All heavy atoms as atom14 arrays in JSON, in Angstrom:
{
  "sequence": "AFVLAAIVCLVGFVFSISDFSIFKKGQTYQVMFEFANGLKKGAPLRVA",
  "atom14_mask": [
    [1, 1, 1, 1, 1, 0, 0, 0, 0, 0, 0, 0, 0, 0],
    [1, 1, 1, 1, 1, 1, 1, 1, 1, 1, 1, 0, 0, 0],
    [1, 1, 1, 1, 1, 1, 1, 0, 0, 0, 0, 0, 0, 0],
    [1, 1, 1, 1, 1, 1, 1, 1, 0, 0, 0, 0, 0, 0],
    [1, 1, 1, 1, 1, 0, 0, 0, 0, 0, 0, 0, 0, 0],
    [1, 1, 1, 1, 1, 0, 0, 0, 0, 0, 0, 0, 0, 0],
    [1, 1, 1, 1, 1, 1, 1, 1, 0, 0, 0, 0, 0, 0],
    [1, 1, 1, 1, 1, 1, 1, 0, 0, 0, 0, 0, 0, 0],
    [1, 1, 1, 1, 1, 1, 0, 0, 0, 0, 0, 0, 0, 0],
    [1, 1, 1, 1, 1, 1, 1, 1, 0, 0, 0, 0, 0, 0],
    [1, 1, 1, 1, 1, 1, 1, 0, 0, 0, 0, 0, 0, 0],
    [1, 1, 1, 1, 0, 0, 0, 0, 0, 0, 0, 0, 0, 0],
    [1, 1, 1, 1, 1, 1, 1, 1, 1, 1, 1, 0, 0, 0],
    [1, 1, 1, 1, 1, 1, 1, 0, 0, 0, 0, 0, 0, 0],
    [1, 1, 1, 1, 1, 1, 1, 1, 1, 1, 1, 0, 0, 0],
    [1, 1, 1, 1, 1, 1, 0, 0, 0, 0, 0, 0, 0, 0],
    [1, 1, 1, 1, 1, 1, 1, 1, 0, 0, 0, 0, 0, 0],
    [1, 1, 1, 1, 1, 1, 0, 0, 0, 0, 0, 0, 0, 0],
    [1, 1, 1, 1, 1, 1, 1, 1, 0, 0, 0, 0, 0, 0],
    [1, 1, 1, 1, 1, 1, 1, 1, 1, 1, 1, 0, 0, 0],
    [1, 1, 1, 1, 1, 1, 0, 0, 0, 0, 0, 0, 0, 0],
    [1, 1, 1, 1, 1, 1, 1, 1, 0, 0, 0, 0, 0, 0],
    [1, 1, 1, 1, 1, 1, 1, 1, 1, 1, 1, 0, 0, 0],
    [1, 1, 1, 1, 1, 1, 1, 1, 1, 0, 0, 0, 0, 0],
    [1, 1, 1, 1, 1, 1, 1, 1, 1, 0, 0, 0, 0, 0],
    [1, 1, 1, 1, 0, 0, 0, 0, 0, 0, 0, 0, 0, 0],
    [1, 1, 1, 1, 1, 1, 1, 1, 1, 0, 0, 0, 0, 0],
    [1, 1, 1, 1, 1, 1, 1, 0, 0, 0, 0, 0, 0, 0],
    [1, 1, 1, 1, 1, 1, 1, 1, 1, 1, 1, 1, 0, 0],
    [1, 1, 1, 1, 1, 1, 1, 1, 1, 0, 0, 0, 0, 0],
    [1, 1, 1, 1, 1, 1, 1, 0, 0, 0, 0, 0, 0, 0],
    [1, 1, 1, 1, 1, 1, 1, 1, 0, 0, 0, 0, 0, 0],
    [1, 1, 1, 1, 1, 1, 1, 1, 1, 1, 1, 0, 0, 0],
    [1, 1, 1, 1, 1, 1, 1, 1, 1, 0, 0, 0, 0, 0],
    [1, 1, 1, 1, 1, 1, 1, 1, 1, 1, 1, 0, 0, 0],
    [1, 1, 1, 1, 1, 0, 0, 0, 0, 0, 0, 0, 0, 0],
    [1, 1, 1, 1, 1, 1, 1, 1, 0, 0, 0, 0, 0, 0],
    [1, 1, 1, 1, 0, 0, 0, 0, 0, 0, 0, 0, 0, 0],
    [1, 1, 1, 1, 1, 1, 1, 1, 0, 0, 0, 0, 0, 0],
    [1, 1, 1, 1, 1, 1, 1, 1, 1, 0, 0, 0, 0, 0],
    [1, 1, 1, 1, 1, 1, 1, 1, 1, 0, 0, 0, 0, 0],
    [1, 1, 1, 1, 0, 0, 0, 0, 0, 0, 0, 0, 0, 0],
    [1, 1, 1, 1, 1, 0, 0, 0, 0, 0, 0, 0, 0, 0],
    [1, 1, 1, 1, 1, 1, 1, 0, 0, 0, 0, 0, 0, 0],
    [1, 1, 1, 1, 1, 1, 1, 1, 0, 0, 0, 0, 0, 0],
    [1, 1, 1, 1, 1, 1, 1, 1, 1, 1, 1, 0, 0, 0],
    [1, 1, 1, 1, 1, 1, 1, 0, 0, 0, 0, 0, 0, 0],
    [1, 1, 1, 1, 1, 0, 0, 0, 0, 0, 0, 0, 0, 0]
  ],
  "atom14_positions": [
    [[-6.95, -34.07, 13.16], [-7.39, -32.93, 14.09], [-6.16, -32.25, 14.55], [-6.16, -30.92, 14.62], [-8.18, -33.47, 15.22], [0.0, 0.0, 0.0], [0.0, 0.0, 0.0], [0.0, 0.0, 0.0], [0.0, 0.0, 0.0], [0.0, 0.0, 0.0], [0.0, 0.0, 0.0], [0.0, 0.0, 0.0], [0.0, 0.0, 0.0], [0.0, 0.0, 0.0]],
    [[-5.03, -32.91, 14.79], [-3.82, -32.31, 15.21], [-3.33, -31.36, 14.1], [-2.83, -30.24, 14.31], [-2.69, -33.37, 15.57], [-1.44, -32.82, 15.92], [-1.24, -32.21, 17.17], [-0.34, -32.82, 15.09], [-0.02, -31.65, 17.51], [0.81, -32.18, 15.37], [0.98, -31.67, 16.65], [0.0, 0.0, 0.0], [0.0, 0.0, 0.0], [0.0, 0.0, 0.0]],
    [[-3.26, -31.85, 12.86], [-2.74, -31.05, 11.76], [-3.62, -29.77, 11.56], [-3.07, -28.66, 11.37], [-2.72, -31.91, 10.48], [-2.51, -31.04, 9.21], [-1.6, -32.9, 10.53], [0.0, 0.0, 0.0], [0.0, 0.0, 0.0], [0.0, 0.0, 0.0], [0.0, 0.0, 0.0], [0.0, 0.0, 0.0], [0.0, 0.0, 0.0], [0.0, 0.0, 0.0]],
    [[-4.98, -29.89, 11.64], [-5.84, -28.77, 11.54], [-5.66, -27.88, 12.67], [-5.62, -26.55, 12.38], [-7.32, -29.28, 11.54], [-8.45, -28.3, 11.36], [-8.26, -27.52, 9.98], [-9.76, -28.88, 11.58], [0.0, 0.0, 0.0], [0.0, 0.0, 0.0], [0.0, 0.0, 0.0], [0.0, 0.0, 0.0], [0.0, 0.0, 0.0], [0.0, 0.0, 0.0]],
    [[-5.46, -28.25, 13.86], [-5.18, -27.37, 15.05], [-3.83, -26.62, 14.72], [-3.73, -25.4, 15.13], [-5.23, -28.15, 16.27], [0.0, 0.0, 0.0], [0.0, 0.0, 0.0], [0.0, 0.0, 0.0], [0.0, 0.0, 0.0], [0.0, 0.0, 0.0], [0.0, 0.0, 0.0], [0.0, 0.0, 0.0], [0.0, 0.0, 0.0], [0.0, 0.0, 0.0]],
    [[-2.85, -27.35, 14.29], [-1.54, -26.75, 13.98], [-1.64, -25.61, 12.94], [-1.1, -24.52, 13.12], [-0.55, -27.77, 13.62], [0.0, 0.0, 0.0], [0.0, 0.0, 0.0], [0.0, 0.0, 0.0], [0.0, 0.0, 0.0], [0.0, 0.0, 0.0], [0.0, 0.0, 0.0], [0.0, 0.0, 0.0], [0.0, 0.0, 0.0], [0.0, 0.0, 0.0]],
    [[-2.42, -25.84, 11.88], [-2.55, -24.84, 10.9], [-3.34, -23.59, 11.43], [-2.97, -22.5, 11.13], [-3.36, -25.62, 9.65], [-2.45, -26.55, 8.97], [-3.74, -24.45, 8.69], [-3.13, -27.31, 7.89], [0.0, 0.0, 0.0], [0.0, 0.0, 0.0], [0.0, 0.0, 0.0], [0.0, 0.0, 0.0], [0.0, 0.0, 0.0], [0.0, 0.0, 0.0]],
    [[-4.41, -23.85, 12.12], [-5.11, -22.74, 12.75], [-4.19, -21.9, 13.7], [-4.21, -20.77, 13.66], [-6.35, -23.25, 13.56], [-7.07, -22.13, 14.42], [-7.4, -23.75, 12.55], [0.0, 0.0, 0.0], [0.0, 0.0, 0.0], [0.0, 0.0, 0.0], [0.0, 0.0, 0.0], [0.0, 0.0, 0.0], [0.0, 0.0, 0.0], [0.0, 0.0, 0.0]],
    [[-3.36, -22.57, 14.48], [-2.41, -21.86, 15.42], [-1.39, -21.06, 14.57], [-1.15, -19.99, 14.97], [-1.8, -22.86, 16.27], [-2.82, -23.57, 17.59], [0.0, 0.0, 0.0], [0.0, 0.0, 0.0], [0.0, 0.0, 0.0], [0.0, 0.0, 0.0], [0.0, 0.0, 0.0], [0.0, 0.0, 0.0], [0.0, 0.0, 0.0], [0.0, 0.0, 0.0]],
    [[-0.93, -21.73, 13.43], [0.02, -21.02, 12.68], [-0.55, -19.68, 11.99], [0.1, -18.71, 12.08], [0.55, -22.0, 11.58], [1.65, -21.35, 10.61], [2.91, -21.07, 11.47], [1.92, -22.31, 9.53], [0.0, 0.0, 0.0], [0.0, 0.0, 0.0], [0.0, 0.0, 0.0], [0.0, 0.0, 0.0], [0.0, 0.0, 0.0], [0.0, 0.0, 0.0]],
    [[-1.74, -19.91, 11.43], [-2.42, -18.83, 10.87], [-2.63, -17.67, 11.9], [-2.46, -16.46, 11.63], [-3.74, -19.14, 10.16], [-4.62, -17.97, 9.76], [-3.43, -20.04, 8.92], [0.0, 0.0, 0.0], [0.0, 0.0, 0.0], [0.0, 0.0, 0.0], [0.0, 0.0, 0.0], [0.0, 0.0, 0.0], [0.0, 0.0, 0.0], [0.0, 0.0, 0.0]],
    [[-3.16, -18.05, 13.17], [-3.37, -17.05, 14.18], [-2.13, -16.36, 14.52], [-2.12, -15.13, 14.82], [0.0, 0.0, 0.0], [0.0, 0.0, 0.0], [0.0, 0.0, 0.0], [0.0, 0.0, 0.0], [0.0, 0.0, 0.0], [0.0, 0.0, 0.0], [0.0, 0.0, 0.0], [0.0, 0.0, 0.0], [0.0, 0.0, 0.0], [0.0, 0.0, 0.0]],
    [[-1.05, -17.11, 14.7], [0.32, -16.61, 15.05], [0.73, -15.56, 13.98], [1.25, -14.53, 14.36], [1.33, -17.63, 15.17], [2.72, -17.12, 15.49], [2.98, -16.57, 16.81], [3.7, -17.17, 14.61], [4.28, -16.04, 17.08], [5.0, -16.76, 14.89], [5.23, -16.22, 16.13], [0.0, 0.0, 0.0], [0.0, 0.0, 0.0], [0.0, 0.0, 0.0]],
    [[0.65, -15.9, 12.71], [1.08, -15.09, 11.67], [0.24, -13.7, 11.72], [0.8, -12.55, 11.55], [0.89, -15.63, 10.3], [1.1, -14.7, 9.2], [1.86, -16.81, 10.2], [0.0, 0.0, 0.0], [0.0, 0.0, 0.0], [0.0, 0.0, 0.0], [0.0, 0.0, 0.0], [0.0, 0.0, 0.0], [0.0, 0.0, 0.0], [0.0, 0.0, 0.0]],
    [[-1.09, -13.72, 11.88], [-1.9, -12.57, 11.94], [-1.57, -11.76, 13.18], [-1.72, -10.54, 13.19], [-3.31, -12.9, 11.81], [-3.82, -13.24, 10.52], [-4.46, -14.37, 10.26], [-3.6, -12.38, 9.48], [-4.92, -14.71, 9.02], [-4.06, -12.55, 8.16], [-4.72, -13.87, 7.91], [0.0, 0.0, 0.0], [0.0, 0.0, 0.0], [0.0, 0.0, 0.0]],
    [[-1.19, -12.42, 14.29], [-0.91, -11.64, 15.46], [0.43, -10.88, 15.45], [0.5, -9.83, 16.04], [-0.96, -12.57, 16.74], [0.2, -13.42, 16.72], [0.0, 0.0, 0.0], [0.0, 0.0, 0.0], [0.0, 0.0, 0.0], [0.0, 0.0, 0.0], [0.0, 0.0, 0.0], [0.0, 0.0, 0.0], [0.0, 0.0, 0.0], [0.0, 0.0, 0.0]],
    [[1.38, -11.43, 14.73], [2.65, -10.61, 14.74], [2.81, -9.69, 13.48], [3.64, -8.83, 13.48], [3.87, -11.62, 14.57], [3.81, -12.53, 13.36], [3.95, -12.48, 15.81], [5.08, -13.32, 13.06], [0.0, 0.0, 0.0], [0.0, 0.0, 0.0], [0.0, 0.0, 0.0], [0.0, 0.0, 0.0], [0.0, 0.0, 0.0], [0.0, 0.0, 0.0]],
    [[1.78, -9.84, 12.48], [1.79, -8.85, 11.36], [0.89, -7.68, 11.71], [0.07, -7.83, 12.62], [1.44, -9.6, 10.14], [0.04, -10.07, 10.12], [0.0, 0.0, 0.0], [0.0, 0.0, 0.0], [0.0, 0.0, 0.0], [0.0, 0.0, 0.0], [0.0, 0.0, 0.0], [0.0, 0.0, 0.0], [0.0, 0.0, 0.0], [0.0, 0.0, 0.0]],
    [[0.98, -6.7, 10.91], [0.05, -5.54, 11.12], [-0.96, -5.59, 10.14], [-1.09, -4.82, 9.18], [0.99, -4.23, 10.91], [0.17, -2.92, 11.27], [-0.79, -3.18, 12.08], [0.48, -1.94, 10.85], [0.0, 0.0, 0.0], [0.0, 0.0, 0.0], [0.0, 0.0, 0.0], [0.0, 0.0, 0.0], [0.0, 0.0, 0.0], [0.0, 0.0, 0.0]],
    [[-1.82, -6.62, 10.33], [-2.92, -6.91, 9.41], [-4.13, -5.98, 9.78], [-4.66, -5.96, 10.76], [-3.32, -8.3, 9.44], [-4.06, -8.92, 8.35], [-3.33, -9.02, 7.01], [-5.29, -9.32, 8.39], [-3.92, -9.52, 6.0], [-5.93, -9.84, 7.27], [-5.27, -9.92, 6.0], [0.0, 0.0, 0.0], [0.0, 0.0, 0.0], [0.0, 0.0, 0.0]],
    [[-4.55, -5.26, 8.65], [-5.47, -4.14, 8.87], [-6.88, -4.51, 8.56], [-7.75, -3.61, 8.61], [-5.02, -2.89, 8.14], [-4.95, -3.11, 6.7], [0.0, 0.0, 0.0], [0.0, 0.0, 0.0], [0.0, 0.0, 0.0], [0.0, 0.0, 0.0], [0.0, 0.0, 0.0], [0.0, 0.0, 0.0], [0.0, 0.0, 0.0], [0.0, 0.0, 0.0]],
    [[-7.26, -5.63, 8.19], [-8.6, -5.98, 7.78], [-9.51, -5.85, 8.96], [-10.63, -5.41, 8.91], [-8.66, -7.44, 7.16], [-8.14, -7.37, 5.73], [-10.13, -7.85, 7.17], [-8.19, -8.7, 5.04], [0.0, 0.0, 0.0], [0.0, 0.0, 0.0], [0.0, 0.0, 0.0], [0.0, 0.0, 0.0], [0.0, 0.0, 0.0], [0.0, 0.0, 0.0]],
    [[-9.01, -6.25, 10.14], [-9.79, -6.26, 11.33], [-9.69, -4.93, 12.15], [-10.39, -4.73, 13.08], [-9.38, -7.35, 12.35], [-9.45, -8.75, 11.64], [-8.31, -9.4, 11.34], [-10.63, -9.27, 11.14], [-8.26, -10.62, 10.75], [-10.63, -10.5, 10.47], [-9.55, -11.18, 10.27], [0.0, 0.0, 0.0], [0.0, 0.0, 0.0], [0.0, 0.0, 0.0]],
    [[-8.85, -3.98, 11.74], [-8.69, -2.63, 12.34], [-9.57, -1.71, 11.65], [-9.6, -1.69, 10.45], [-7.24, -2.22, 12.3], [-6.35, -3.16, 13.22], [-4.89, -2.67, 13.22], [-3.99, -3.59, 13.95], [-2.64, -3.05, 13.91], [0.0, 0.0, 0.0], [0.0, 0.0, 0.0], [0.0, 0.0, 0.0], [0.0, 0.0, 0.0], [0.0, 0.0, 0.0]],
    [[-10.07, -0.69, 12.45], [-10.79, 0.38, 11.72], [-9.79, 1.49, 11.44], [-8.82, 1.78, 12.17], [-11.82, 0.82, 12.75], [-12.99, -0.09, 12.95], [-14.04, 0.4, 13.88], [-15.15, -0.62, 14.07], [-16.19, -0.11, 14.92], [0.0, 0.0, 0.0], [0.0, 0.0, 0.0], [0.0, 0.0, 0.0], [0.0, 0.0, 0.0], [0.0, 0.0, 0.0]],
    [[-10.14, 2.17, 10.39], [-9.31, 3.35, 9.98], [-9.85, 4.07, 8.79], [-11.06, 3.78, 8.35], [0.0, 0.0, 0.0], [0.0, 0.0, 0.0], [0.0, 0.0, 0.0], [0.0, 0.0, 0.0], [0.0, 0.0, 0.0], [0.0, 0.0, 0.0], [0.0, 0.0, 0.0], [0.0, 0.0, 0.0], [0.0, 0.0, 0.0], [0.0, 0.0, 0.0]],
    [[-9.13, 5.02, 8.29], [-9.62, 5.85, 7.17], [-8.51, 5.97, 6.11], [-7.33, 5.7, 6.38], [-10.13, 7.14, 7.55], [-9.13, 8.0, 8.3], [-9.19, 7.88, 9.76], [-9.95, 7.13, 10.41], [-8.34, 8.54, 10.48], [0.0, 0.0, 0.0], [0.0, 0.0, 0.0], [0.0, 0.0, 0.0], [0.0, 0.0, 0.0], [0.0, 0.0, 0.0]],
    [[-8.94, 6.22, 4.86], [-7.91, 6.43, 3.8], [-7.89, 7.81, 3.43], [-8.9, 8.57, 3.48], [-8.19, 5.42, 2.55], [-9.51, 5.75, 2.07], [-8.21, 3.98, 2.97], [0.0, 0.0, 0.0], [0.0, 0.0, 0.0], [0.0, 0.0, 0.0], [0.0, 0.0, 0.0], [0.0, 0.0, 0.0], [0.0, 0.0, 0.0], [0.0, 0.0, 0.0]],
    [[-6.75, 8.2, 2.82], [-6.49, 9.51, 2.22], [-5.76, 9.32, 0.94], [-4.96, 8.33, 0.84], [-5.59, 10.34, 3.18], [-6.26, 10.62, 4.56], [-6.05, 9.82, 5.63], [-7.15, 11.73, 4.68], [-6.57, 9.96, 6.82], [-7.69, 11.94, 5.93], [-7.47, 11.05, 6.97], [-8.04, 11.36, 8.17], [0.0, 0.0, 0.0], [0.0, 0.0, 0.0]],
    [[-5.97, 10.21, -0.02], [-5.25, 10.27, -1.2], [-4.22, 11.34, -1.19], [-4.63, 12.43, -0.93], [-6.31, 10.5, -2.42], [-7.39, 9.48, -2.58], [-6.94, 8.04, -2.87], [-6.06, 7.96, -3.72], [-7.65, 7.05, -2.26], [0.0, 0.0, 0.0], [0.0, 0.0, 0.0], [0.0, 0.0, 0.0], [0.0, 0.0, 0.0], [0.0, 0.0, 0.0]],
    [[-2.99, 11.11, -1.39], [-1.96, 11.98, -1.39], [-1.43, 12.12, -2.8], [-0.92, 11.06, -3.32], [-0.92, 11.72, -0.31], [0.11, 12.83, -0.17], [-1.57, 11.45, 1.05], [0.0, 0.0, 0.0], [0.0, 0.0, 0.0], [0.0, 0.0, 0.0], [0.0, 0.0, 0.0], [0.0, 0.0, 0.0], [0.0, 0.0, 0.0], [0.0, 0.0, 0.0]],
    [[-1.33, 13.31, -3.37], [-0.8, 13.45, -4.64], [0.59, 14.11, -4.69], [0.86, 15.07, -3.96], [-1.75, 14.37, -5.6], [-3.15, 13.67, -5.66], [-4.21, 14.61, -6.73], [-3.44, 14.33, -8.28], [0.0, 0.0, 0.0], [0.0, 0.0, 0.0], [0.0, 0.0, 0.0], [0.0, 0.0, 0.0], [0.0, 0.0, 0.0], [0.0, 0.0, 0.0]],
    [[1.55, 13.45, -5.38], [2.84, 13.98, -5.58], [3.15, 14.07, -7.17], [2.52, 13.43, -7.91], [3.92, 13.02, -5.05], [3.75, 12.82, -3.51], [3.11, 11.83, -2.92], [4.36, 13.84, -2.65], [3.03, 11.67, -1.53], [4.4, 13.66, -1.28], [3.64, 12.62, -0.74], [0.0, 0.0, 0.0], [0.0, 0.0, 0.0], [0.0, 0.0, 0.0]],
    [[4.18, 14.79, -7.47], [4.67, 14.81, -8.81], [5.8, 13.82, -8.96], [6.17, 13.38, -10.05], [5.17, 16.27, -9.27], [3.99, 17.28, -9.35], [4.47, 18.55, -9.89], [5.56, 18.81, -10.3], [3.65, 19.65, -9.64], [0.0, 0.0, 0.0], [0.0, 0.0, 0.0], [0.0, 0.0, 0.0], [0.0, 0.0, 0.0], [0.0, 0.0, 0.0]],
    [[6.49, 13.53, -7.84], [7.63, 12.66, -7.77], [7.61, 11.88, -6.51], [7.66, 12.33, -5.45], [8.86, 13.56, -7.97], [10.22, 12.68, -7.81], [10.56, 11.85, -8.83], [11.02, 12.84, -6.78], [11.72, 11.16, -8.76], [12.25, 12.19, -6.66], [12.52, 11.17, -7.72], [0.0, 0.0, 0.0], [0.0, 0.0, 0.0], [0.0, 0.0, 0.0]],
    [[7.66, 10.54, -6.56], [7.41, 9.77, -5.48], [8.76, 9.15, -4.83], [8.63, 8.59, -3.8], [6.57, 8.47, -5.74], [0.0, 0.0, 0.0], [0.0, 0.0, 0.0], [0.0, 0.0, 0.0], [0.0, 0.0, 0.0], [0.0, 0.0, 0.0], [0.0, 0.0, 0.0], [0.0, 0.0, 0.0], [0.0, 0.0, 0.0], [0.0, 0.0, 0.0]],
    [[9.84, 9.37, -5.51], [11.16, 9.07, -4.94], [11.33, 7.68, -4.38], [11.85, 7.49, -3.27], [11.53, 10.16, -3.93], [13.06, 10.18, -3.65], [13.76, 9.74, -4.37], [13.34, 10.64, -2.48], [0.0, 0.0, 0.0], [0.0, 0.0, 0.0], [0.0, 0.0, 0.0], [0.0, 0.0, 0.0], [0.0, 0.0, 0.0], [0.0, 0.0, 0.0]],
    [[10.83, 6.57, -5.04], [11.11, 5.23, -4.56], [10.14, 4.73, -3.48], [10.31, 3.68, -2.92], [0.0, 0.0, 0.0], [0.0, 0.0, 0.0], [0.0, 0.0, 0.0], [0.0, 0.0, 0.0], [0.0, 0.0, 0.0], [0.0, 0.0, 0.0], [0.0, 0.0, 0.0], [0.0, 0.0, 0.0], [0.0, 0.0, 0.0], [0.0, 0.0, 0.0]],
    [[9.01, 5.41, -3.29], [8.04, 5.01, -2.33], [7.39, 3.65, -2.88], [7.21, 3.49, -4.06], [6.96, 6.05, -2.28], [6.08, 6.12, -1.01], [6.97, 6.24, 0.22], [5.11, 7.4, -1.07], [0.0, 0.0, 0.0], [0.0, 0.0, 0.0], [0.0, 0.0, 0.0], [0.0, 0.0, 0.0], [0.0, 0.0, 0.0], [0.0, 0.0, 0.0]],
    [[7.08, 2.76, -1.97], [6.5, 1.5, -2.39], [5.19, 1.13, -1.69], [5.04, 1.6, -0.55], [7.51, 0.37, -2.01], [8.77, 0.34, -2.87], [9.69, -0.74, -2.49], [10.95, -0.66, -3.3], [11.91, -1.63, -2.84], [0.0, 0.0, 0.0], [0.0, 0.0, 0.0], [0.0, 0.0, 0.0], [0.0, 0.0, 0.0], [0.0, 0.0, 0.0]],
    [[4.4, 0.38, -2.38], [3.17, -0.14, -1.71], [3.58, -0.86, -0.43], [4.4, -1.64, -0.4], [2.39, -0.96, -2.7], [1.13, -1.68, -2.22], [0.51, -2.52, -3.19], [-0.64, -3.14, -2.59], [-1.31, -4.14, -3.56], [0.0, 0.0, 0.0], [0.0, 0.0, 0.0], [0.0, 0.0, 0.0], [0.0, 0.0, 0.0], [0.0, 0.0, 0.0]],
    [[2.67, -0.64, 0.59], [2.96, -1.26, 1.85], [3.91, -0.54, 2.8], [4.16, -0.95, 3.94], [0.0, 0.0, 0.0], [0.0, 0.0, 0.0], [0.0, 0.0, 0.0], [0.0, 0.0, 0.0], [0.0, 0.0, 0.0], [0.0, 0.0, 0.0], [0.0, 0.0, 0.0], [0.0, 0.0, 0.0], [0.0, 0.0, 0.0], [0.0, 0.0, 0.0]],
    [[4.51, 0.56, 2.26], [5.42, 1.31, 3.15], [4.66, 1.92, 4.26], [3.55, 2.19, 4.3], [6.09, 2.47, 2.28], [0.0, 0.0, 0.0], [0.0, 0.0, 0.0], [0.0, 0.0, 0.0], [0.0, 0.0, 0.0], [0.0, 0.0, 0.0], [0.0, 0.0, 0.0], [0.0, 0.0, 0.0], [0.0, 0.0, 0.0], [0.0, 0.0, 0.0]],
    [[5.49, 2.16, 5.36], [4.78, 2.73, 6.53], [4.23, 4.15, 6.38], [4.75, 4.92, 5.58], [5.93, 2.84, 7.64], [7.01, 1.97, 7.09], [6.81, 1.94, 5.65], [0.0, 0.0, 0.0], [0.0, 0.0, 0.0], [0.0, 0.0, 0.0], [0.0, 0.0, 0.0], [0.0, 0.0, 0.0], [0.0, 0.0, 0.0], [0.0, 0.0, 0.0]],
    [[3.24, 4.46, 7.22], [2.77, 5.85, 7.29], [2.85, 6.35, 8.7], [2.6, 5.51, 9.7], [1.24, 5.91, 6.99], [0.45, 7.15, 7.38], [0.88, 8.28, 6.43], [-0.99, 6.99, 7.26], [0.0, 0.0, 0.0], [0.0, 0.0, 0.0], [0.0, 0.0, 0.0], [0.0, 0.0, 0.0], [0.0, 0.0, 0.0], [0.0, 0.0, 0.0]],
    [[3.58, 7.44, 8.99], [3.85, 7.93, 10.29], [3.21, 9.31, 10.41], [3.29, 10.15, 9.49], [5.31, 8.05, 10.54], [5.94, 6.63, 10.52], [7.47, 6.77, 10.62], [8.08, 5.42, 10.71], [8.67, 4.93, 11.76], [8.91, 5.66, 12.83], [9.24, 3.72, 11.71], [0.0, 0.0, 0.0], [0.0, 0.0, 0.0], [0.0, 0.0, 0.0]],
    [[2.71, 9.58, 11.66], [2.2, 10.87, 12.01], [3.14, 11.43, 13.11], [3.2, 10.83, 14.14], [0.78, 10.87, 12.44], [0.26, 12.3, 12.87], [-0.17, 10.27, 11.29], [0.0, 0.0, 0.0], [0.0, 0.0, 0.0], [0.0, 0.0, 0.0], [0.0, 0.0, 0.0], [0.0, 0.0, 0.0], [0.0, 0.0, 0.0], [0.0, 0.0, 0.0]],
    [[3.81, 12.46, 12.75], [4.74, 13.08, 13.77], [5.79, 12.05, 14.36], [6.18, 12.02, 15.41], [4.03, 13.77, 14.91], [0.0, 0.0, 0.0], [0.0, 0.0, 0.0], [0.0, 0.0, 0.0], [0.0, 0.0, 0.0], [0.0, 0.0, 0.0], [0.0, 0.0, 0.0], [0.0, 0.0, 0.0], [0.0, 0.0, 0.0], [0.0, 0.0, 0.0]]
  ]
}
């Protein structure tokens, strides 16, 4: 029970400090470029 509780706490902690978007609502957009200049999956999106 102690090990199970520790694992649950660890998973909860990891999800709370990460920006995990499964539980957040949002929308997607497709942006087309001819040249991506080193952009990577998971990179931030900023508005203004």
